[in-house]
C-alpha cells in the first residue's frame, strides 16, 4: 500500500519525545523531509489547519450541487432525443465508464491527497502546473453565465405567482399583432394585419420571453441599455448567493442541505404529475426510441461524452477543489461512484419529466414531438412553460417548476464560487490573513462577476451569452484539458502512484479496479479525447443565433475566450521549463517531469502519527 511506500517519509528513529519537541518549536522555520520520490521537500510547520467538512454527508451534498444543474434539465433531454433516444443513453453510459469515472478519480484523489485547490494540485508535476490555472477561467466564465440564467428564472417565477400567468395571454403591452395565445379562445391569428403589413405567428410564451424578458434585438450592433427588471433579478441572485457562501465551506454545507435535497422532491412530484398526462406515453416513447443507425455517427458520441464531462463538472477544477475539504481518510471513491449513478438517474428523470410534458403538448396542439422540442433556453423558458400552462392548476405547477430550476442553479453557483475563492486563496494566501477576509473577498469577487453579468442583461445581451456559451465551454477545450489530465496521470505520474494514493486514503485494496484505471488513464481516455478534440475543431463554423450571423470581430473575441482556458498549459509549461534547474533545455524539461510529493499534512496527535510511521 501507499503507506508502506511512505515508510521512510520520516526517520523511524524519531521518538515521541522528539515530536513533542518539534511541537514546541513549530514557529521556528520549515522542517525538511525526504519525499516519496527522493526529492528534498520543505514542510511548512507553520501552515494553518485546513478547513474540512464536518460530516461525510457534506461532501456528498456538495457533489450534488456540482453535478445536478441546468444541463440536466435543458440539455440532456434535448440531445438525448436528437441523438436517437435509447442510442444516446447507451453512448452516455459508455462514457461514464470511459471518461467520467477515470477523470473524477484523478481530480478527487489529487484534491483530497494534497488538501489544495486545483491551482495547486498540479504542482505534483511542474510541467503541468499551468493546467490548474485553466480552471480559474472556466469558473469565472461559468459564474458570469449562470447568474444570468438564474435572473431569467427569477423573472419567470415572479410572473408565475399570479392566478392568471401573463405569458398565456396576448393582451399585454409587449404583445405583437402576430401573437398566438396558448389558449384557443384568446388567439390573434397570424393573418391579422396592421395597415398593409402581415405578421408571422408567435406564441404568447415566446413573446413573453423574447420581447418582455430579453427585449431581444436583431444583433450585437443593436446592444441597448441594461434592463432594470433583469438588473433587480440579477442583484437578488447575487445577494442570495453571497449570504449562502460568505462564511466559507462550513456555512455553505449547511445551505446545500436544503438546496440540494429539495429539488429532488420537486422532481419526483413533477415526474408523477407528468406520467398522468394525456400524451405522456407518446412522449416517453419518442424519448427512449432507439435509432441504432446513429451509432455510426461521431456527433452522437461527442455529444454524449461532452454531456458526461460537463454535467459532472470534471475538467473545470471544481471537483478537485471541493475534495480538498475532505479528511485525509475519507472514502471519496465511494461517493464519486454514488454520485455518478445519481447524476445519471437525475438526467434520466429530467428527460422523463420533459418528454411526458412535451408529449402532452404535442397531443394538445395536434402535432409531433419534433415540432415542439427545442434546445437550450428555448426548452426551459418557452416550451416547458407553454406545456405547464395547459395543465390543470398552472398556478401550482409553474412556480414549482421555476423554484426547482432556481434551487438547482443556486446549488451549482454556490459550489463553483466557493471553489473559485479557494483557488484565489491558494494563489494569494496573504490576502486572506485579516479578520473577515473570507467575507470581503467573497463580496469582491461576486461584485466583479456581477458587473460582468451586466453585459448579458441588455436587449443584445443574449448574443453575448450565446457567444460565451459556445466558446467558453466548447467541446475541444474540455477534451484538451481532459487529454492533459490523462497524459499527466497515465504517462508521467503513473497509474500505480495514483492507485496507491487511493488505497492509502480509503484503506481499500484496488485489484481489478487497478487494471481498469490503468487501461483508461493510459490508453482509452487519451485516445478518445484526442480524437474528439480534433474532430470538434474540424466542425467549427461561424457562430449563428437564429438568423443572425456573428461578425468577424465577435468570433475573434470568442476564440480569445476559448484560448484563455486552454493556453494556460503551454504558457505554464514554458515558464516552468525556464525556471527549472539544468544547463540545457533537455535537462530542464526532464526536471519538470519529476513527480513531487504534495501529500497534505494530516492533522492528528503526534502519537498517532508515530504509530502510522512505524506501520
Foldseek 3Di string as FASTA:
>chain_A
DLLVLCLVQDPLPQDPVNVVVCVVVLVPAWDWTQDSQRDIDTHRSPDDDAAFAPDPVLLLLLLLLAQQAPCLQFPLLQLCLVLFFQLLLVLLVVLCLQFVLLLLLLQLLLLQQQLAFLLPSVLLFLLQNLLSVLLLLLLLLCLLQLLLVLLLLVVLLVQLLDPDRQLQAQPDPQHDQQEQGLDNVHGRHQQDDDPPDTHHHDYSLVSCVQCVQQVADDAPVCQFAFDPSSLVSSVVLLVVLLVCDLVHSHSVSVVSVCLSPVLVVLLVVLLVVLCPAVQLVVLVCSNRRGDVVSNVPVVSSLSSNLSSCNSSVRSSRLSSQNSSNHALQDQVSVSSVVVSVVSSVSSVSSSSSQRSLLSNVCVVVVHDSVVLRDGDPCSVRGSVLSSLVPDPPSSPVSSSSSVSNSSSSSSNSNSSLSSSVSNVCVVPVVQQPDPSSSNVVSVVSSVVSSVSSSSLRTNNNVVVSVLSVCQLSPSLLSLLSQLVSLCLDQPQVHLVNSQSSSCVNHVDHDDVVSVSSNCSSHPSSNVVSVVSNVVSVVPDDQDDDDHDTDDPVSVVVSNVSNVVSVVSSVVSSVVQLVPADDDDSVVSNVRSSRRDNSGYDRDDDVVVVSVSSND
